[in-house]
Amino acid sequence: MTVVLRKILIVFAHPALEKSRVNRKLIEMAETIEEVTFHDLYEIYPEMDVDVKAEQKLLKEQDVIVFQYPFFLFGMPALLKEWMDLVLVHGWAFGRNGDALKGKWACSVITTGGSRASYSKEGQNRFTMRELLAPLEQTVRLCGMHYLPPYVIHGTNVMKQEGINEHARHYRAMLKLLADGSLDPNVLKGLEYLNDFMMDNG
């Protein structure tokens, strides 16, 4: 049986990539996968002048959309939010006749300096990561897409190279599973993080 590989678009936003050890390693791994298109918004749009038609065309050509970014003040970098506001519009991504993204898969890949324990009701940040990502999840669902649990890398400020390499290996394995269709969304229901699945299966 012929396997039809899914095309993956990584919509990446990091305003200070040169300072990021973790994201640079993740990018290195992602670019080894043929089915992945790496799309760096801050490199393409340094003036934040998003080409809406070009972005919509690119999205329609993909099967899986991965939003990858550092978690700044409990949200996404400004350019990614601007991109969403301009590109994922009523009548195209949602609403009447807005079904351009319907049926596609989407997930987020987040890096943060805070520990996993700090993102809990008892922790310093008072909310879980899934709760803080609720606006993104709802946006994805509004667009008729299937939202997968996030892949979250905690403690990046103090992470040793060995830990970075391990996360990068799991990240690459996750992208491969997304590309070949091995990840069943039904199996992932109820998981807080996609990491938890990859630790057992990656």
Protein backbone atom coordinates (compact mmCIF):
# COMPACT_ATOMS: atom_id res chain seq x y z
CA MET A 1 0.00 0.00 0.00
CA THR A 2 1.33 3.42 -0.95
CA VAL A 3 1.70 5.85 1.94
CA VAL A 4 0.72 9.42 1.09
CA LEU A 5 2.95 11.67 3.15
CA ARG A 6 1.50 14.77 4.74
CA LYS A 7 3.09 18.12 4.02
CA ILE A 8 4.01 20.06 7.16
CA LEU A 9 4.33 23.83 7.44
CA ILE A 10 6.21 25.18 10.45
CA VAL A 11 5.05 28.74 11.02
CA PHE A 12 7.95 29.97 13.12
CA ALA A 13 8.17 33.24 15.06
CA HIS A 14 11.12 34.23 17.23
CA PRO A 15 12.24 37.88 17.38
CA ALA A 16 15.66 36.97 18.84
CA LEU A 17 16.56 33.63 17.29
CA GLU A 18 20.28 34.30 17.57
CA LYS A 19 19.93 34.01 21.37
CA SER A 20 17.99 30.74 21.31
CA ARG A 21 19.94 27.51 21.76
CA VAL A 22 16.85 25.31 21.79
CA ASN A 23 14.95 26.64 18.78
CA ARG A 24 18.06 26.69 16.63
CA LYS A 25 18.57 22.98 17.37
CA LEU A 26 14.91 22.22 16.64
CA ILE A 27 15.15 24.03 13.31
CA GLU A 28 18.26 22.06 12.43
CA MET A 29 16.33 18.82 12.99
CA ALA A 30 13.19 19.98 11.17
CA GLU A 31 15.13 20.91 8.05
CA THR A 32 16.31 17.31 7.64
CA ILE A 33 12.74 16.18 6.87
CA GLU A 34 11.72 16.45 3.23
CA GLU A 35 8.01 16.94 3.94
CA VAL A 36 8.65 19.99 6.16
CA THR A 37 8.53 23.59 4.97
CA PHE A 38 10.16 25.91 7.51
CA HIS A 39 8.61 29.38 7.38
CA ASP A 40 10.36 32.01 9.53
CA LEU A 41 8.04 34.99 9.86
CA TYR A 42 10.60 37.39 11.36
CA GLU A 43 13.03 36.64 8.56
CA ILE A 44 10.42 37.01 5.82
CA TYR A 45 8.60 40.01 7.29
CA PRO A 46 11.10 42.13 9.27
CA GLU A 47 8.77 45.12 8.84
CA MET A 48 5.68 43.05 9.77
CA ASP A 49 4.22 43.68 6.29
CA VAL A 50 2.55 40.29 5.91
CA ASP A 51 1.66 39.22 2.36
CA VAL A 52 -1.78 37.80 3.10
CA LYS A 53 -2.47 36.19 -0.28
CA ALA A 54 0.92 34.47 -0.35
CA GLU A 55 0.44 33.16 3.19
CA GLN A 56 -3.03 31.86 2.44
CA LYS A 57 -1.78 30.08 -0.68
CA LEU A 58 1.01 28.46 1.32
CA LEU A 59 -1.39 27.30 4.02
CA LYS A 60 -3.77 25.71 1.53
CA GLU A 61 -0.92 23.62 0.13
CA GLN A 62 -0.15 22.04 3.53
CA ASP A 63 -1.71 19.21 5.53
CA VAL A 64 -0.28 19.98 8.99
CA ILE A 65 0.38 23.44 10.45
CA VAL A 66 2.86 23.70 13.33
CA PHE A 67 3.02 27.01 15.21
CA GLN A 68 6.47 27.18 16.78
CA TYR A 69 7.52 30.03 19.05
CA PRO A 70 8.90 31.01 22.46
CA PHE A 71 6.32 31.74 25.15
CA PHE A 72 6.65 35.46 25.91
CA LEU A 73 4.53 36.89 28.76
CA PHE A 74 2.11 33.97 28.45
CA GLY A 75 1.52 34.47 24.76
CA MET A 76 2.99 34.40 21.28
CA PRO A 77 5.38 36.92 19.70
CA ALA A 78 3.71 39.96 18.18
CA LEU A 79 4.34 39.07 14.54
CA LEU A 80 2.67 35.67 14.86
CA LYS A 81 -0.44 37.29 16.36
CA GLU A 82 -0.40 39.88 13.56
CA TRP A 83 -0.06 37.06 11.03
CA MET A 84 -3.08 35.27 12.49
CA ASP A 85 -5.20 38.41 12.57
CA LEU A 86 -4.46 39.17 8.92
CA VAL A 87 -4.35 35.69 7.38
CA LEU A 88 -6.98 33.68 9.27
CA VAL A 89 -9.88 35.88 8.31
CA HIS A 90 -13.65 35.46 8.19
CA GLY A 91 -14.86 34.16 4.86
CA TRP A 92 -11.57 32.36 4.21
CA ALA A 93 -10.55 30.47 7.35
CA PHE A 94 -13.91 30.47 9.15
CA GLY A 95 -17.45 31.76 8.91
CA ARG A 96 -19.68 31.54 5.85
CA ASN A 97 -17.70 29.87 3.02
CA GLY A 98 -14.59 30.02 5.19
CA ASP A 99 -13.39 26.45 4.92
CA ALA A 100 -9.90 26.79 3.40
CA LEU A 101 -8.25 25.03 6.34
CA LYS A 102 -10.98 22.56 7.23
CA GLY A 103 -9.71 19.09 8.09
CA LYS A 104 -6.05 20.05 8.40
CA TRP A 105 -4.11 19.24 11.57
CA ALA A 106 -2.49 21.87 13.77
CA CYS A 107 -0.35 21.93 16.88
CA SER A 108 1.97 24.27 18.73
CA VAL A 109 5.61 23.82 19.67
CA ILE A 110 6.44 26.06 22.61
CA THR A 111 9.69 26.86 24.39
CA THR A 112 9.68 28.47 27.81
CA GLY A 113 12.10 29.15 30.61
CA GLY A 114 9.57 28.17 33.28
CA SER A 115 9.37 24.66 34.65
CA ARG A 116 6.42 22.38 34.02
CA ALA A 117 5.51 22.58 37.70
CA SER A 118 5.31 26.37 37.48
CA TYR A 119 2.53 26.03 34.91
CA SER A 120 -0.09 24.64 37.25
CA LYS A 121 -2.80 25.97 39.54
CA GLU A 122 -0.41 25.58 42.47
CA GLY A 123 2.60 26.94 40.57
CA GLN A 124 3.99 30.42 40.15
CA ASN A 125 2.12 30.99 36.87
CA ARG A 126 -1.27 29.89 38.30
CA PHE A 127 -2.51 28.36 35.04
CA THR A 128 -1.61 25.27 33.08
CA MET A 129 -0.03 25.61 29.66
CA ARG A 130 -3.14 24.13 28.06
CA GLU A 131 -5.26 26.80 29.74
CA LEU A 132 -2.96 29.58 28.56
CA LEU A 133 -3.02 28.17 25.03
CA ALA A 134 -6.83 28.10 24.95
CA PRO A 135 -7.12 31.10 22.54
CA LEU A 136 -4.87 29.34 20.02
CA GLU A 137 -6.74 26.06 20.40
CA GLN A 138 -10.07 27.80 19.89
CA THR A 139 -8.74 29.65 16.82
CA VAL A 140 -7.65 26.34 15.30
CA ARG A 141 -11.01 24.75 16.04
CA LEU A 142 -12.85 27.80 14.67
CA CYS A 143 -11.02 27.18 11.40
CA GLY A 144 -12.27 23.59 11.32
CA MET A 145 -8.86 22.11 11.99
CA HIS A 146 -7.92 19.24 14.30
CA TYR A 147 -5.93 20.55 17.28
CA LEU A 148 -3.26 18.25 18.65
CA PRO A 149 -1.78 18.61 22.15
CA PRO A 150 1.15 21.05 22.30
CA TYR A 151 4.78 20.00 22.37
CA VAL A 152 6.26 22.11 25.18
CA ILE A 153 9.92 22.38 26.12
CA HIS A 154 10.26 23.74 29.66
CA GLY A 155 13.28 25.07 31.50
CA THR A 156 15.15 26.26 28.43
CA ASN A 157 17.20 28.84 30.35
CA VAL A 158 19.02 26.20 32.37
CA MET A 159 18.86 23.24 30.00
CA LYS A 160 22.09 21.39 29.29
CA GLN A 161 23.08 20.44 25.75
CA GLU A 162 22.18 16.81 26.41
CA GLY A 163 18.62 17.82 27.26
CA ILE A 164 18.39 20.03 24.18
CA ASN A 165 19.56 17.18 21.97
CA GLU A 166 17.01 14.79 23.50
CA HIS A 167 14.14 17.20 22.90
CA ALA A 168 15.35 17.79 19.35
CA ARG A 169 15.36 14.04 18.65
CA HIS A 170 11.82 13.70 19.97
CA TYR A 171 10.76 16.75 17.98
CA ARG A 172 12.13 15.25 14.77
CA ALA A 173 10.43 11.94 15.54
CA MET A 174 7.15 13.79 16.13
CA LEU A 175 7.41 15.53 12.75
CA LYS A 176 8.11 12.21 11.03
CA LEU A 177 5.02 10.67 12.65
CA LEU A 178 2.92 13.65 11.58
CA ALA A 179 4.24 13.33 8.03
CA ASP A 180 3.56 9.62 7.61
CA GLY A 181 0.20 9.65 9.40
CA SER A 182 1.29 7.45 12.28
CA LEU A 183 -0.08 9.85 14.87
CA ASP A 184 -3.74 9.06 15.48
CA PRO A 185 -5.49 12.14 16.95
CA ASN A 186 -7.85 9.85 18.86
CA VAL A 187 -4.92 8.31 20.75
CA LEU A 188 -3.76 11.78 21.78
CA LYS A 189 -7.07 12.89 23.29
CA GLY A 190 -6.73 13.71 26.97
CA LEU A 191 -2.98 14.24 26.84
CA GLU A 192 -1.72 17.50 28.29
CA TYR A 193 1.40 17.52 26.13
CA LEU A 194 2.46 15.75 22.97
CA ASN A 195 5.80 15.29 24.76
CA ASP A 196 4.18 12.68 26.97
CA PHE A 197 3.34 10.55 23.93
CA MET A 198 6.78 11.03 22.38
CA MET A 199 8.59 10.04 25.56
CA ASP A 200 6.90 6.64 25.31
CA ASN A 201 6.93 6.27 21.54
CA GLY A 202 9.75 8.43 20.19
